């Protein structure tokens, strides 16, 4: 699955909750429950990652903070009751 399709799927979730599994920079796998479209906690200013095609900003529901997902390292996405295995994850 290409990053473009993965980004479209995540951003197209329209604020619904989903989970994603990805490899962190230190090599550990992390599962995160998150959603897009959260604006309540914004402090103003422009996104620092908007220009990077491989990053998507989401709201981490456990940590209650914004996090970036590196699409290059995603291995699985669970959205609307469907599980998508991603073969391009490292």
Protein backbone atom coordinates (compact mmCIF):
# COMPACT_ATOMS: atom_id res chain seq x y z
CA UNK A 1 0.00 0.00 0.00
CA UNK A 2 1.48 3.34 -0.99
CA UNK A 3 1.87 6.25 1.41
CA UNK A 4 -0.55 8.23 -0.73
CA UNK A 5 -3.31 5.62 -0.28
CA UNK A 6 -2.50 5.23 3.42
CA UNK A 7 -2.66 9.01 3.95
CA UNK A 8 -5.96 9.21 2.07
CA UNK A 9 -7.40 6.40 4.22
CA UNK A 10 -6.30 8.04 7.51
CA UNK A 11 -7.31 11.57 6.57
CA UNK A 12 -10.57 10.25 5.11
CA UNK A 13 -11.54 8.71 8.46
CA UNK A 14 -13.35 12.00 9.15
CA UNK A 15 -12.49 12.09 12.85
CA UNK A 16 -13.44 8.48 13.57
CA UNK A 17 -11.27 6.55 15.99
CA UNK A 18 -8.77 4.10 14.52
CA UNK A 19 -5.66 2.24 15.60
CA UNK A 20 -2.33 2.07 13.88
CA UNK A 21 0.77 -0.06 14.45
CA UNK A 22 4.11 1.36 13.41
CA UNK A 23 7.81 0.98 14.09
CA UNK A 24 9.26 3.72 16.27
CA UNK A 25 12.66 5.28 15.55
CA UNK A 26 14.30 2.98 18.14
CA UNK A 27 12.88 -0.10 16.37
CA UNK A 28 10.09 -0.89 18.86
CA UNK A 29 6.57 -1.50 17.56
CA UNK A 30 3.89 0.80 18.94
CA UNK A 31 0.13 0.56 18.70
CA UNK A 32 -1.71 3.85 18.98
CA UNK A 33 -5.42 4.59 19.19
CA UNK A 34 -6.01 7.92 17.57
CA UNK A 35 -8.14 10.14 15.39
CA UNK A 36 -7.76 13.01 12.98
CA UNK A 37 -9.57 16.33 13.00
CA UNK A 38 -9.03 17.26 16.67
CA UNK A 39 -8.66 21.03 16.88
CA UNK A 40 -9.52 21.72 20.53
CA UNK A 41 -5.92 21.70 21.74
CA UNK A 42 -4.31 23.76 18.97
CA UNK A 43 -2.22 26.69 20.11
CA UNK A 44 -2.13 28.54 16.81
CA UNK A 45 0.58 28.79 14.21
CA UNK A 46 1.27 26.62 11.22
CA UNK A 47 1.92 22.89 11.18
CA UNK A 48 5.60 22.02 11.34
CA UNK A 49 5.05 18.75 9.42
CA UNK A 50 2.57 19.76 6.70
CA UNK A 51 5.33 19.87 4.08
CA UNK A 52 6.45 16.26 4.79
CA UNK A 53 4.53 13.74 2.68
CA UNK A 54 5.39 10.79 4.93
CA UNK A 55 4.01 12.30 8.19
CA UNK A 56 0.40 12.53 9.35
CA UNK A 57 -0.55 14.39 12.54
CA UNK A 58 -3.17 12.68 14.72
CA UNK A 59 -4.57 12.99 18.25
CA UNK A 60 -3.31 10.14 20.49
CA UNK A 61 -6.29 9.26 22.68
CA UNK A 62 -4.18 7.56 25.37
CA UNK A 63 -1.51 10.25 25.78
CA UNK A 64 -4.00 13.05 25.07
CA UNK A 65 -1.55 14.81 22.78
CA UNK A 66 -0.81 15.32 19.11
CA UNK A 67 1.53 12.79 17.55
CA UNK A 68 2.97 12.29 14.07
CA UNK A 69 2.74 8.95 12.31
CA UNK A 70 5.53 8.17 9.87
CA UNK A 71 3.69 6.45 7.01
CA UNK A 72 6.95 4.77 5.94
CA UNK A 73 6.92 2.61 9.08
CA UNK A 74 3.22 1.71 9.41
CA UNK A 75 2.54 -2.04 9.50
CA UNK A 76 -1.19 -2.17 10.28
CA UNK A 77 -4.24 0.10 10.36
CA UNK A 78 -7.60 -0.82 11.93
CA UNK A 79 -10.40 1.44 10.78
CA UNK A 80 -14.18 1.01 10.83
CA UNK A 81 -13.93 -2.65 11.82
CA UNK A 82 -11.49 -3.52 9.03
CA UNK A 83 -7.83 -4.40 9.44
CA UNK A 84 -5.35 -3.41 6.74
CA UNK A 85 -1.90 -4.99 6.75
CA UNK A 86 0.65 -2.65 5.19
CA UNK A 87 3.50 -4.32 3.37
CA UNK A 88 5.63 -1.21 2.86
CA UNK A 89 6.22 -0.83 6.63
CA UNK A 90 9.77 -1.46 7.68
